Amino acid sequence: MKNALNWFEIPTEDFDRAVKFYNSLYDTTLTISDMEEGIMQMAILPHEYEGGVGGAIIKSEGYLPSTNGTLIYLNAGADVSPMLERAVKAGGSVVMPKMELPRDLGHIAIFTDSEGNKIGLHAFKQM
């Protein structure tokens, strides 16, 4: 097993607003996937399809945004600062500013998204 995690879903109550937020966060256009028309809406986050960890923004019954529970860390590339700035510009707020991790593990930051989810960012230190 290469990764302990292979898929995650970030809940939303306002799907269009969340897609706009994550389009801004990643500076891209997410792929919209109608899993079950009228029942579930999904926007796929950037990831490698073979061997990569993937995730999506999702709106469906029983999916509720929260700052409690599991905290996921999105890959911020080489530096968390640009994504954190885009998160704030898109309507999110900083929970924990950029912080260096010990033992050359890079940097992390935590924000809340447009839906009220608490999300982490992680950037590995470039060796």
C-alpha atoms as a PDB file:
ATOM      1  CA  MET A   1       0.000   0.000   0.000  1.00  0.00           C
ATOM      2  CA  LYS A   2       1.521   3.289  -1.158  1.00  0.00           C
ATOM      3  CA  ASN A   3      -0.779   5.701   0.755  1.00  0.00           C
ATOM      4  CA  ALA A   4      -2.985   5.337   3.827  1.00  0.00           C
ATOM      5  CA  LEU A   5      -5.477   7.639   2.103  1.00  0.00           C
ATOM      6  CA  ASN A   6      -6.762   7.294  -1.448  1.00  0.00           C
ATOM      7  CA  TRP A   7      -9.905   9.488  -1.615  1.00  0.00           C
ATOM      8  CA  PHE A   8     -11.576  12.237   0.440  1.00  0.00           C
ATOM      9  CA  GLU A   9     -14.700  14.361   0.104  1.00  0.00           C
ATOM     10  CA  ILE A  10     -15.171  17.924   1.358  1.00  0.00           C
ATOM     11  CA  PRO A  11     -18.847  18.614   2.113  1.00  0.00           C
ATOM     12  CA  THR A  12     -20.699  21.698   0.929  1.00  0.00           C
ATOM     13  CA  GLU A  13     -24.140  23.175   1.330  1.00  0.00           C
ATOM     14  CA  ASP A  14     -23.750  25.697  -1.521  1.00  0.00           C
ATOM     15  CA  PHE A  15     -22.117  23.698  -4.318  1.00  0.00           C
ATOM     16  CA  ASP A  16     -21.612  26.600  -6.745  1.00  0.00           C
ATOM     17  CA  ARG A  17     -20.020  28.781  -4.055  1.00  0.00           C
ATOM     18  CA  ALA A  18     -17.694  25.928  -2.996  1.00  0.00           C
ATOM     19  CA  VAL A  19     -16.663  25.195  -6.586  1.00  0.00           C
ATOM     20  CA  LYS A  20     -15.877  28.880  -7.105  1.00  0.00           C
ATOM     21  CA  PHE A  21     -13.822  28.894  -3.870  1.00  0.00           C
ATOM     22  CA  TYR A  22     -11.774  25.799  -4.792  1.00  0.00           C
ATOM     23  CA  ASN A  23     -11.331  26.968  -8.397  1.00  0.00           C
ATOM     24  CA  SER A  24      -9.743  30.095  -6.891  1.00  0.00           C
ATOM     25  CA  LEU A  25      -7.732  28.127  -4.337  1.00  0.00           C
ATOM     26  CA  TYR A  26      -6.170  25.909  -7.009  1.00  0.00           C
ATOM     27  CA  ASP A  27      -6.196  28.574  -9.726  1.00  0.00           C
ATOM     28  CA  THR A  28      -7.877  26.099 -12.074  1.00  0.00           C
ATOM     29  CA  THR A  29     -11.294  24.870 -13.202  1.00  0.00           C
ATOM     30  CA  LEU A  30     -12.499  21.779 -11.362  1.00  0.00           C
ATOM     31  CA  THR A  31     -14.130  18.943 -13.276  1.00  0.00           C
ATOM     32  CA  ILE A  32     -17.839  18.626 -12.403  1.00  0.00           C
ATOM     33  CA  SER A  33     -19.156  15.068 -12.158  1.00  0.00           C
ATOM     34  CA  ASP A  34     -22.852  14.273 -11.754  1.00  0.00           C
ATOM     35  CA  MET A  35     -22.660  11.022  -9.823  1.00  0.00           C
ATOM     36  CA  GLU A  36     -26.408  10.737  -9.285  1.00  0.00           C
ATOM     37  CA  GLU A  37     -28.289  13.516 -11.029  1.00  0.00           C
ATOM     38  CA  GLY A  38     -30.309  15.531  -8.562  1.00  0.00           C
ATOM     39  CA  ILE A  39     -29.017  13.525  -5.587  1.00  0.00           C
ATOM     40  CA  MET A  40     -25.268  14.200  -5.501  1.00  0.00           C
ATOM     41  CA  GLN A  41     -23.059  16.922  -6.982  1.00  0.00           C
ATOM     42  CA  MET A  42     -19.290  16.465  -7.156  1.00  0.00           C
ATOM     43  CA  ALA A  43     -16.345  18.581  -8.336  1.00  0.00           C
ATOM     44  CA  ILE A  44     -13.056  16.697  -8.623  1.00  0.00           C
ATOM     45  CA  LEU A  45      -9.930  18.295  -7.131  1.00  0.00           C
ATOM     46  CA  PRO A  46      -6.633  18.097  -9.062  1.00  0.00           C
ATOM     47  CA  HIS A  47      -4.864  14.766  -8.600  1.00  0.00           C
ATOM     48  CA  GLU A  48      -2.982  12.012 -10.403  1.00  0.00           C
ATOM     49  CA  TYR A  49      -5.400   9.273 -11.365  1.00  0.00           C
ATOM     50  CA  GLU A  50      -2.915   6.421 -11.073  1.00  0.00           C
ATOM     51  CA  GLY A  51      -1.355   6.092  -7.649  1.00  0.00           C
ATOM     52  CA  GLY A  52      -2.296   9.581  -6.476  1.00  0.00           C
ATOM     53  CA  VAL A  53      -4.576  10.596  -3.635  1.00  0.00           C
ATOM     54  CA  GLY A  54      -7.726  12.229  -4.955  1.00  0.00           C
ATOM     55  CA  GLY A  55     -10.669  14.102  -3.565  1.00  0.00           C
ATOM     56  CA  ALA A  56     -13.733  16.130  -4.370  1.00  0.00           C
ATOM     57  CA  ILE A  57     -16.098  18.836  -3.248  1.00  0.00           C
ATOM     58  CA  ILE A  58     -19.457  17.189  -2.707  1.00  0.00           C
ATOM     59  CA  LYS A  59     -23.057  18.155  -2.052  1.00  0.00           C
ATOM     60  CA  SER A  60     -25.409  15.397  -1.010  1.00  0.00           C
ATOM     61  CA  GLU A  61     -27.759  14.488   1.792  1.00  0.00           C
ATOM     62  CA  GLY A  62     -25.876  13.787   5.004  1.00  0.00           C
ATOM     63  CA  TYR A  63     -22.759  15.752   4.015  1.00  0.00           C
ATOM     64  CA  LEU A  64     -22.383  18.704   6.390  1.00  0.00           C
ATOM     65  CA  PRO A  65     -19.498  21.196   6.489  1.00  0.00           C
ATOM     66  CA  SER A  66     -17.720  21.353   9.842  1.00  0.00           C
ATOM     67  CA  THR A  67     -14.693  22.641  11.705  1.00  0.00           C
ATOM     68  CA  ASN A  68     -14.831  19.542  13.927  1.00  0.00           C
ATOM     69  CA  GLY A  69     -13.652  16.023  13.191  1.00  0.00           C
ATOM     70  CA  THR A  70     -11.087  14.888  10.666  1.00  0.00           C
ATOM     71  CA  LEU A  71      -8.649  17.492   9.366  1.00  0.00           C
ATOM     72  CA  ILE A  72      -7.286  16.927   5.876  1.00  0.00           C
ATOM     73  CA  TYR A  73      -4.190  18.664   4.523  1.00  0.00           C
ATOM     74  CA  LEU A  74      -4.226  19.618   0.851  1.00  0.00           C
ATOM     75  CA  ASN A  75      -0.972  19.575  -1.090  1.00  0.00           C
ATOM     76  CA  ALA A  76       0.155  23.189  -1.429  1.00  0.00           C
ATOM     77  CA  GLY A  77       3.121  22.449  -3.689  1.00  0.00           C
ATOM     78  CA  ALA A  78       6.378  24.192  -2.787  1.00  0.00           C
ATOM     79  CA  ASP A  79       4.892  26.888  -0.485  1.00  0.00           C
ATOM     80  CA  VAL A  80       1.618  27.211   1.448  1.00  0.00           C
ATOM     81  CA  SER A  81       1.595  31.027   1.237  1.00  0.00           C
ATOM     82  CA  PRO A  82       0.113  31.450  -2.281  1.00  0.00           C
ATOM     83  CA  MET A  83      -2.752  29.007  -1.612  1.00  0.00           C
ATOM     84  CA  LEU A  84      -3.438  30.517   1.806  1.00  0.00           C
ATOM     85  CA  GLU A  85      -3.615  33.995   0.234  1.00  0.00           C
ATOM     86  CA  ARG A  86      -5.995  32.716  -2.462  1.00  0.00           C
ATOM     87  CA  ALA A  87      -8.163  31.054   0.223  1.00  0.00           C
ATOM     88  CA  VAL A  88      -8.570  34.363   2.068  1.00  0.00           C
ATOM     89  CA  LYS A  89      -9.185  36.290  -1.167  1.00  0.00           C
ATOM     90  CA  ALA A  90     -11.900  33.759  -2.104  1.00  0.00           C
ATOM     91  CA  GLY A  91     -13.731  34.232   1.206  1.00  0.00           C
ATOM     92  CA  GLY A  92     -11.994  31.829   3.584  1.00  0.00           C
ATOM     93  CA  SER A  93     -10.245  32.759   6.807  1.00  0.00           C
ATOM     94  CA  VAL A  94      -6.920  31.803   8.379  1.00  0.00           C
ATOM     95  CA  VAL A  95      -7.175  29.565  11.442  1.00  0.00           C
ATOM     96  CA  MET A  96      -3.426  28.966  11.774  1.00  0.00           C
ATOM     97  CA  PRO A  97      -0.880  30.943   9.727  1.00  0.00           C
ATOM     98  CA  LYS A  98       2.061  29.343   7.941  1.00  0.00           C
ATOM     99  CA  MET A  99       4.179  27.383  10.391  1.00  0.00           C
ATOM    100  CA  GLU A 100       7.456  25.548   9.845  1.00  0.00           C
ATOM    101  CA  LEU A 101       7.492  21.891  10.844  1.00  0.00           C
ATOM    102  CA  PRO A 102      10.488  20.274  12.576  1.00  0.00           C
ATOM    103  CA  ARG A 103      12.900  17.847  10.892  1.00  0.00           C
ATOM    104  CA  ASP A 104      12.633  19.393   7.419  1.00  0.00           C
ATOM    105  CA  LEU A 105       9.014  18.291   7.017  1.00  0.00           C
ATOM    106  CA  GLY A 106       8.031  21.578   5.380  1.00  0.00           C
ATOM    107  CA  HIS A 107       5.289  24.029   6.317  1.00  0.00           C
ATOM    108  CA  ILE A 108       1.601  23.863   7.192  1.00  0.00           C
ATOM    109  CA  ALA A 109      -1.277  26.314   7.560  1.00  0.00           C
ATOM    110  CA  ILE A 110      -4.984  25.894   8.349  1.00  0.00           C
ATOM    111  CA  PHE A 111      -7.959  27.849   6.980  1.00  0.00           C
ATOM    112  CA  THR A 112     -11.735  27.650   6.843  1.00  0.00           C
ATOM    113  CA  ASP A 113     -13.257  27.455   3.381  1.00  0.00           C
ATOM    114  CA  SER A 114     -16.357  29.192   2.024  1.00  0.00           C
ATOM    115  CA  GLU A 115     -18.532  26.442   3.506  1.00  0.00           C
ATOM    116  CA  GLY A 116     -17.119  26.472   7.042  1.00  0.00           C
ATOM    117  CA  ASN A 117     -14.867  23.417   6.723  1.00  0.00           C
ATOM    118  CA  LYS A 118     -11.494  23.536   8.479  1.00  0.00           C
ATOM    119  CA  ILE A 119      -8.825  22.556   5.913  1.00  0.00           C
ATOM    120  CA  GLY A 120      -5.058  22.249   6.225  1.00  0.00           C
ATOM    121  CA  LEU A 121      -2.357  23.022   3.673  1.00  0.00           C
ATOM    122  CA  HIS A 122       1.017  21.269   3.581  1.00  0.00           C
ATOM    123  CA  ALA A 123       4.138  21.999   1.556  1.00  0.00           C
ATOM    124  CA  PHE A 124       7.116  19.661   1.826  1.00  0.00           C
ATOM    125  CA  LYS A 125      10.412  21.393   2.281  1.00  0.00           C
ATOM    126  CA  GLN A 126      12.374  21.325  -0.954  1.00  0.00           C
ATOM    127  CA  MET A 127      15.644  19.493  -0.382  1.00  0.00           C
END
